[in-house]
Amino acid sequence: MNDSIDTKQTDATCCKEPAHGFGSYLLTAAWLIPGATILIALLFYSLGYLNLSRTVQHILAIFIYSVCIALPSMALTTWVSVRFTVRFPRAIVLIQALCLVATASAGSFVAAYIVCGVGISPRTALWTEFKGSLTFSIIITLAIGLSIATYETLRHRLQEAEIELRTRQVEQERAYKLLAEARLSSLESSIHPHFLFNTLNSIAALIPTNPQHAEAMVGKLASLLRFSLNAQQGGLVPLQQELKIVRDYLEIESTRFGPRLRYEILIPDSLGSIKVPPLALETLVENSVKHVAAQRTEGAKIQIAGKVDAGTLRLKVSDDGPGFSLDATAPEHGLGNLAARLELLFGSAGHLDVARENDMTVVRISFPAES
């Protein structure tokens, strides 16, 4: 349970997009406006435009222009970048430039009005002040604005790439966790006291009369346990390897149930190289044995079949039991675990379903057939 909680918490942390709210906006403005003011003042001083006798008034005027232009420029370019970068990736720079020209023009007029209003420039020189500052304001706004917009765009893309990478890592860890749970579930079933004791008793009874068969049964039990322990160490396994484990499991159970357990495997040898999730088919067979053969005096008839259809491997296990619903299965064990593994490994291409056909319960799994 703790592992599941940790995984969900990791999902929420890793997959949540970083917020860029009002606080981030103010933080950027807090360093951008003073920085732009100092930069422009130094530029004016180097060009000889800054009158030392009126340094304070000129710096105050530059600050007013910076505030009136920077704040709307930041707000508008951020809004445009968020909504149009994905839709118009090639034209986004041009759109940003047009927005900056518009905010620079409007901001220059507002700043000129304020500068003239507070007496830094004569009130009758509003249009002269506006026309004289407009060209320089547009050039400075484009230079600073496009540089910051480019930086923010690259930073946003890097954050998206990091989020996607962390999301994939979480999904991979979840897949490994589910595989380990499947391995543990199968191992717990395999070494369940009744199963193990009955198997050992059957082997002991075979030793005096048929020692070769007893030795073979010991080998099959060891093979099943070894495969269960090693299932988490690899990815997909060849179908022929999975079928060997299924046969070993059925032959072991046949020593317990005798003629009550009847089965047939109808999977062509040509499908043996196709890769399947380990213990996937075994889980379906084990479900029929545990819930049908072990629960009824007449035992069970089990049929295992498979085929490739349009690039998809379709495996099914049928039994003559009463049937069941997938909704009643626990998500952390057996078929529920298998359904989650199929979804993680194959996405929407992996399926598990249950149906009734000709008085038989049929459990199917399907996923892309890859050798």
Protein backbone atom coordinates (compact mmCIF):
# COMPACT_ATOMS: atom_id res chain seq x y z
CA MET A 1 0.00 0.00 0.00
CA ASN A 2 2.80 2.43 0.82
CA ASP A 3 4.40 1.81 -2.58
CA SER A 4 1.11 2.63 -4.30
CA ILE A 5 0.73 5.85 -2.34
CA ASP A 6 4.31 6.86 -3.11
CA THR A 7 3.77 6.19 -6.80
CA LYS A 8 0.61 8.33 -6.90
CA GLN A 9 2.38 11.14 -5.07
CA THR A 10 5.28 10.93 -7.51
CA ASP A 11 2.82 11.09 -10.41
CA ALA A 12 1.26 14.25 -9.04
CA THR A 13 4.66 15.85 -8.45
CA CYS A 14 6.30 14.87 -11.71
CA CYS A 15 3.42 15.44 -14.07
CA LYS A 16 2.26 18.78 -12.70
CA GLU A 17 3.20 21.66 -14.96
CA PRO A 18 5.11 24.44 -13.17
CA ALA A 19 2.95 27.46 -12.42
CA HIS A 20 3.72 30.88 -13.88
CA GLY A 21 1.38 33.12 -11.91
CA PHE A 22 1.17 36.72 -10.83
CA GLY A 23 4.11 36.37 -8.42
CA SER A 24 6.42 35.24 -11.20
CA TYR A 25 5.21 38.13 -13.36
CA LEU A 26 6.00 40.68 -10.63
CA LEU A 27 9.40 39.11 -9.97
CA THR A 28 10.37 39.48 -13.62
CA ALA A 29 9.14 43.08 -13.70
CA ALA A 30 11.08 43.85 -10.49
CA TRP A 31 14.44 43.21 -12.16
CA LEU A 32 13.54 44.04 -15.75
CA ILE A 33 12.34 47.65 -15.26
CA PRO A 34 15.25 48.88 -13.10
CA GLY A 35 17.68 47.01 -15.30
CA ALA A 36 16.25 48.57 -18.45
CA THR A 37 16.35 52.00 -16.81
CA ILE A 38 20.04 51.69 -15.91
CA LEU A 39 20.92 50.25 -19.33
CA ILE A 40 19.17 53.04 -21.25
CA ALA A 41 20.64 55.73 -18.97
CA LEU A 42 24.15 54.42 -19.59
CA LEU A 43 23.44 54.28 -23.33
CA PHE A 44 22.20 57.87 -23.35
CA TYR A 45 25.22 58.96 -21.36
CA SER A 46 27.63 57.26 -23.77
CA LEU A 47 25.86 58.91 -26.73
CA GLY A 48 25.95 62.33 -25.06
CA TYR A 49 22.18 62.64 -24.73
CA LEU A 50 22.16 62.69 -20.93
CA ASN A 51 22.46 66.20 -19.45
CA LEU A 52 24.35 65.86 -16.18
CA SER A 53 22.64 68.93 -14.75
CA ARG A 54 19.28 67.18 -15.17
CA THR A 55 20.41 63.60 -14.44
CA VAL A 56 17.66 62.91 -11.90
CA GLN A 57 14.91 64.17 -14.22
CA HIS A 58 16.24 62.19 -17.16
CA ILE A 59 16.57 58.97 -15.14
CA LEU A 60 13.04 59.51 -13.78
CA ALA A 61 11.76 59.97 -17.35
CA ILE A 62 13.54 56.80 -18.47
CA PHE A 63 12.00 54.92 -15.53
CA ILE A 64 8.52 56.16 -16.48
CA TYR A 65 9.04 55.00 -20.08
CA SER A 66 10.32 51.62 -18.83
CA VAL A 67 7.27 51.07 -16.62
CA CYS A 68 4.75 52.19 -19.26
CA ILE A 69 6.31 50.01 -21.98
CA ALA A 70 7.66 46.99 -20.06
CA LEU A 71 4.53 46.03 -18.11
CA PRO A 72 2.10 45.87 -21.07
CA SER A 73 4.81 44.31 -23.27
CA MET A 74 5.39 41.50 -20.75
CA ALA A 75 1.68 40.85 -20.30
CA LEU A 76 0.84 40.87 -24.02
CA THR A 77 3.83 38.81 -25.23
CA THR A 78 3.24 36.24 -22.48
CA TRP A 79 -0.43 35.91 -23.44
CA VAL A 80 0.42 35.64 -27.15
CA SER A 81 3.26 33.15 -26.58
CA VAL A 82 1.12 30.82 -24.47
CA ARG A 83 -1.76 30.74 -26.97
CA PHE A 84 -0.04 30.88 -30.35
CA THR A 85 3.43 29.29 -30.05
CA VAL A 86 2.09 25.79 -30.69
CA ARG A 87 -0.42 26.89 -33.34
CA PHE A 88 1.97 29.14 -35.29
CA PRO A 89 5.52 28.03 -34.41
CA ARG A 90 7.11 29.63 -37.48
CA ALA A 91 5.28 32.94 -37.22
CA ILE A 92 5.44 33.39 -33.45
CA VAL A 93 8.49 35.71 -33.59
CA LEU A 94 6.72 38.00 -36.07
CA ILE A 95 3.58 38.01 -33.89
CA GLN A 96 5.66 38.86 -30.82
CA ALA A 97 7.43 41.66 -32.71
CA LEU A 98 4.12 43.20 -33.80
CA CYS A 99 2.87 43.07 -30.22
CA LEU A 100 6.04 44.74 -28.97
CA VAL A 101 5.76 47.51 -31.57
CA ALA A 102 2.17 48.11 -30.49
CA THR A 103 2.98 48.22 -26.75
CA ALA A 104 6.06 50.37 -27.39
CA SER A 105 3.97 52.91 -29.32
CA ALA A 106 1.13 52.99 -26.80
CA GLY A 107 3.52 52.99 -23.84
CA SER A 108 5.59 55.81 -25.33
CA PHE A 109 2.50 58.01 -25.68
CA VAL A 110 1.38 57.32 -22.10
CA ALA A 111 4.93 57.91 -20.80
CA ALA A 112 5.24 61.16 -22.81
CA TYR A 113 1.95 62.34 -21.36
CA ILE A 114 3.16 61.59 -17.81
CA VAL A 115 6.60 63.14 -18.39
CA CYS A 116 4.99 66.34 -19.67
CA GLY A 117 2.35 66.23 -16.94
CA VAL A 118 4.86 66.13 -14.07
CA GLY A 119 6.95 68.93 -15.63
CA ILE A 120 10.03 66.99 -16.73
CA SER A 121 9.29 68.24 -20.25
CA PRO A 122 7.12 71.24 -21.18
CA ARG A 123 3.42 70.40 -21.29
CA THR A 124 3.12 71.98 -24.75
CA ALA A 125 5.77 69.59 -26.10
CA LEU A 126 3.68 66.39 -25.79
CA TRP A 127 3.79 65.44 -29.47
CA THR A 128 7.42 66.48 -29.80
CA GLU A 129 8.28 64.32 -26.79
CA PHE A 130 6.27 61.38 -28.19
CA LYS A 131 7.73 61.60 -31.71
CA GLY A 132 11.26 62.02 -30.41
CA SER A 133 11.05 58.95 -28.17
CA LEU A 134 8.99 56.64 -30.39
CA THR A 135 11.72 55.27 -32.69
CA PHE A 136 14.17 54.67 -29.86
CA SER A 137 11.46 53.10 -27.70
CA ILE A 138 10.51 50.64 -30.47
CA ILE A 139 14.14 49.64 -31.08
CA ILE A 140 14.89 49.11 -27.38
CA THR A 141 11.58 47.27 -26.80
CA LEU A 142 12.19 44.91 -29.73
CA ALA A 143 15.77 44.19 -28.66
CA ILE A 144 14.94 43.49 -25.03
CA GLY A 145 11.48 42.01 -25.59
CA LEU A 146 12.44 39.50 -28.28
CA SER A 147 15.51 38.42 -26.29
CA ILE A 148 13.40 37.74 -23.20
CA ALA A 149 10.62 36.10 -25.23
CA THR A 150 13.14 33.77 -26.91
CA TYR A 151 14.67 32.89 -23.55
CA GLU A 152 11.27 32.21 -21.98
CA THR A 153 10.19 30.09 -24.95
CA LEU A 154 13.32 27.94 -24.72
CA ARG A 155 12.94 27.65 -20.95
CA HIS A 156 9.31 26.61 -21.30
CA ARG A 157 10.20 23.94 -23.88
CA LEU A 158 12.95 22.63 -21.61
CA GLN A 159 10.50 22.40 -18.72
CA GLU A 160 8.01 20.52 -20.91
CA ALA A 161 10.75 18.09 -21.98
CA GLU A 162 11.73 17.52 -18.33
CA ILE A 163 8.09 16.93 -17.35
CA GLU A 164 7.65 14.43 -20.19
CA LEU A 165 10.87 12.64 -19.21
CA ARG A 166 9.83 12.41 -15.57
CA THR A 167 6.38 11.17 -16.61
CA ARG A 168 7.93 8.39 -18.70
CA GLN A 169 10.22 7.45 -15.81
CA VAL A 170 7.23 7.21 -13.47
CA GLU A 171 5.34 5.02 -15.97
CA GLN A 172 8.39 2.78 -16.39
CA GLU A 173 8.77 2.43 -12.62
CA ARG A 174 5.06 1.61 -12.35
CA ALA A 175 5.42 -1.05 -15.05
CA TYR A 176 8.36 -2.62 -13.19
CA LYS A 177 6.35 -2.50 -9.96
CA LEU A 178 3.36 -4.22 -11.58
CA LEU A 179 5.65 -6.84 -13.09
CA ALA A 180 7.18 -7.49 -9.69
CA GLU A 181 3.69 -7.78 -8.17
CA ALA A 182 2.71 -10.24 -10.90
CA ARG A 183 5.81 -12.26 -10.22
CA LEU A 184 5.12 -12.25 -6.46
CA SER A 185 1.45 -13.12 -7.01
CA SER A 186 2.38 -16.05 -9.23
CA LEU A 187 5.09 -17.18 -6.82
CA GLU A 188 2.73 -16.95 -3.84
CA SER A 189 0.20 -19.04 -5.75
CA SER A 190 2.85 -21.54 -6.81
CA ILE A 191 4.24 -22.05 -3.31
CA HIS A 192 0.87 -21.92 -1.55
CA PRO A 193 1.05 -24.62 1.16
CA HIS A 194 -1.76 -26.75 -0.30
CA PHE A 195 -0.29 -26.55 -3.78
CA LEU A 196 3.27 -27.23 -2.66
CA PHE A 197 2.39 -30.00 -0.21
CA ASN A 198 0.09 -31.75 -2.68
CA THR A 199 2.75 -31.52 -5.37
CA LEU A 200 5.45 -32.90 -3.09
CA ASN A 201 3.12 -35.68 -1.91
CA SER A 202 2.37 -36.58 -5.51
CA ILE A 203 6.07 -36.67 -6.30
CA ALA A 204 6.74 -38.81 -3.22
CA ALA A 205 4.03 -41.24 -4.30
CA LEU A 206 5.56 -41.49 -7.77
CA ILE A 207 9.10 -42.24 -6.56
CA PRO A 208 8.55 -46.00 -5.84
CA THR A 209 6.42 -46.69 -8.92
CA ASN A 210 7.67 -44.19 -11.50
CA PRO A 211 10.90 -42.48 -10.40
CA GLN A 212 11.51 -40.98 -13.85
CA HIS A 213 8.13 -39.23 -13.77
CA ALA A 214 8.80 -38.05 -10.21
CA GLU A 215 12.14 -36.60 -11.30
CA ALA A 216 10.45 -34.84 -14.22
CA MET A 217 7.85 -33.33 -11.88
CA VAL A 218 10.59 -31.97 -9.61
CA GLY A 219 12.22 -30.36 -12.65
CA LYS A 220 8.94 -28.77 -13.73
CA LEU A 221 8.31 -27.39 -10.24
CA ALA A 222 11.83 -25.94 -10.12
CA SER A 223 11.40 -24.45 -13.60
CA LEU A 224 8.12 -22.79 -12.62
CA LEU A 225 9.54 -21.29 -9.43
CA ARG A 226 12.71 -20.15 -11.20
CA PHE A 227 10.74 -18.44 -13.97
CA SER A 228 8.53 -16.73 -11.38
CA LEU A 229 11.58 -15.40 -9.55
CA ASN A 230 13.33 -14.22 -12.73
CA ALA A 231 10.30 -12.68 -14.46
CA GLN A 232 11.05 -9.16 -13.18
CA GLN A 233 14.60 -9.14 -14.56
CA GLY A 234 13.64 -8.85 -18.23
CA GLY A 235 11.03 -7.33 -20.48
CA LEU A 236 8.92 -9.36 -22.87
CA VAL A 237 9.64 -13.06 -23.38
CA PRO A 238 9.08 -15.35 -26.41
CA LEU A 239 5.68 -17.03 -26.48
CA GLN A 240 7.31 -20.43 -26.66
CA GLN A 241 9.00 -19.77 -23.31
CA GLU A 242 5.70 -18.66 -21.78
CA LEU A 243 4.01 -21.80 -23.17
CA LYS A 244 6.64 -24.01 -21.54
CA ILE A 245 5.82 -22.50 -18.15
CA VAL A 246 2.10 -22.94 -18.84
CA ARG A 247 2.62 -26.63 -19.70
CA ASP A 248 4.77 -27.16 -16.60
CA TYR A 249 2.10 -25.54 -14.46
CA LEU A 250 -0.71 -27.62 -15.98
CA GLU A 251 1.22 -30.88 -15.65
CA ILE A 252 1.97 -30.11 -12.01
CA GLU A 253 -1.69 -29.37 -11.36
CA SER A 254 -2.63 -32.58 -13.20
CA THR A 255 -0.84 -34.52 -10.49
CA ARG A 256 -3.24 -32.94 -8.01
CA PHE A 257 -6.52 -33.16 -9.90
CA GLY A 258 -5.91 -36.16 -12.13
CA PRO A 259 -8.68 -36.65 -14.74
CA ARG A 260 -10.62 -33.71 -13.26
CA LEU A 261 -8.27 -31.36 -15.09
CA ARG A 262 -8.57 -31.65 -18.87
CA TYR A 263 -6.76 -29.22 -21.14
CA GLU A 264 -5.55 -28.70 -24.68
CA ILE A 265 -3.21 -26.13 -26.21
CA LEU A 266 -4.04 -24.98 -29.74
CA ILE A 267 -1.30 -22.45 -30.48
CA PRO A 268 0.74 -22.90 -33.68
CA ASP A 269 4.50 -23.32 -33.29
CA SER A 270 4.96 -20.50 -35.83
CA LEU A 271 3.91 -18.00 -33.14
CA GLY A 272 6.64 -19.08 -30.74
CA SER A 273 8.98 -16.16 -31.43
CA ILE A 274 6.38 -13.44 -30.73
CA LYS A 275 7.15 -11.54 -27.53
CA VAL A 276 4.61 -11.55 -24.69
CA PRO A 277 4.56 -10.14 -21.15
CA PRO A 278 5.95 -12.81 -18.79
CA LEU A 279 3.30 -14.74 -16.85
CA ALA A 280 0.50 -13.21 -18.94
CA LEU A 281 -0.86 -16.45 -20.39
CA GLU A 282 0.01 -18.33 -17.20
CA THR A 283 -2.17 -15.89 -15.24
CA LEU A 284 -5.19 -16.71 -17.42
CA VAL A 285 -4.62 -20.46 -17.04
CA GLU A 286 -4.06 -20.17 -13.30
CA ASN A 287 -7.33 -18.27 -12.99
CA SER A 288 -9.24 -21.17 -14.60
CA VAL A 289 -7.50 -23.79 -12.48
CA LYS A 290 -8.01 -21.99 -9.17
CA HIS A 291 -11.59 -20.83 -9.70
CA VAL A 292 -13.03 -23.68 -11.77
CA ALA A 293 -11.06 -26.92 -11.51
CA ALA A 294 -10.32 -26.53 -7.80
CA GLN A 295 -13.87 -25.48 -6.91
CA ARG A 296 -15.93 -28.18 -8.67
CA THR A 297 -16.08 -31.92 -8.16
CA GLU A 298 -16.32 -32.44 -11.92
CA GLY A 299 -13.18 -30.38 -12.45
CA ALA A 300 -12.71 -28.26 -15.54
CA LYS A 301 -12.00 -28.41 -19.24
CA ILE A 302 -9.51 -25.75 -20.31
CA GLN A 303 -8.60 -24.78 -23.86
CA ILE A 304 -5.72 -22.45 -24.74
CA ALA A 305 -5.64 -20.93 -28.22
CA GLY A 306 -3.92 -18.13 -30.07
CA LYS A 307 -3.56 -16.49 -33.45
CA VAL A 308 -2.22 -13.38 -35.16
CA ASP A 309 -4.81 -11.16 -36.79
CA ALA A 310 -3.87 -7.92 -38.63
CA GLY A 311 -0.60 -7.59 -36.72
CA THR A 312 -2.21 -8.28 -33.34
CA LEU A 313 -1.56 -11.35 -31.21
CA ARG A 314 -4.79 -12.70 -29.74
CA LEU A 315 -4.54 -15.29 -26.95
CA LYS A 316 -7.53 -16.80 -25.18
CA VAL A 317 -8.16 -19.29 -22.40
CA SER A 318 -11.58 -20.94 -22.31
CA ASP A 319 -13.09 -23.07 -19.55
CA ASP A 320 -16.49 -24.62 -18.82
CA GLY A 321 -16.92 -22.68 -15.58
CA PRO A 322 -19.89 -20.45 -14.69
CA GLY A 323 -18.16 -17.24 -15.75
CA PHE A 324 -17.31 -14.00 -13.95
CA SER A 325 -17.00 -10.25 -14.46
CA LEU A 326 -13.76 -8.29 -14.64
CA ASP A 327 -15.39 -5.66 -12.41
CA ALA A 328 -15.26 -8.14 -9.53
CA THR A 329 -11.49 -8.71 -9.79
CA ALA A 330 -9.10 -6.89 -7.46
CA PRO A 331 -6.89 -4.44 -9.38
CA GLU A 332 -3.70 -5.39 -7.53
CA HIS A 333 -3.81 -9.15 -8.14
CA GLY A 334 -4.32 -11.64 -10.94
CA LEU A 335 -6.31 -10.41 -13.90
CA GLY A 336 -6.50 -6.85 -12.57
CA ASN A 337 -2.72 -6.68 -12.41
CA LEU A 338 -2.44 -8.16 -15.89
CA ALA A 339 -4.86 -5.58 -17.34
CA ALA A 340 -2.79 -2.74 -15.84
CA ARG A 341 0.44 -4.23 -17.23
CA LEU A 342 -1.05 -4.52 -20.72
CA GLU A 343 -2.13 -0.88 -20.61
CA LEU A 344 1.30 0.30 -19.48
CA LEU A 345 3.19 -1.83 -22.00
CA PHE A 346 0.98 -1.35 -25.05
CA GLY A 347 -1.33 1.59 -24.27
CA SER A 348 -4.66 1.47 -26.07
CA ALA A 349 -3.38 -1.45 -28.20
CA GLY A 350 -3.41 -3.83 -25.20
CA HIS A 351 -6.73 -5.37 -24.16
CA LEU A 352 -8.13 -7.90 -21.70
CA ASP A 353 -11.78 -8.94 -21.82
CA VAL A 354 -14.11 -11.72 -20.66
CA ALA A 355 -17.04 -13.17 -22.61
CA ARG A 356 -19.35 -16.20 -22.77
CA GLU A 357 -19.20 -18.30 -25.95
CA ASN A 358 -20.93 -21.66 -26.46
CA ASP A 359 -21.38 -22.24 -22.72
CA MET A 360 -17.69 -21.50 -22.16
CA THR A 361 -16.05 -18.62 -20.29
CA VAL A 362 -13.44 -17.02 -22.57
CA VAL A 363 -10.74 -14.69 -21.28
CA ARG A 364 -8.82 -12.92 -24.06
CA ILE A 365 -5.72 -10.77 -24.18
CA SER A 366 -4.52 -8.97 -27.29
CA PHE A 367 -1.57 -6.71 -28.09
CA PRO A 368 0.76 -5.96 -31.04
CA ALA A 369 2.60 -9.00 -32.36
CA GLU A 370 6.33 -8.29 -32.39
CA SER A 371 9.09 -10.85 -32.75
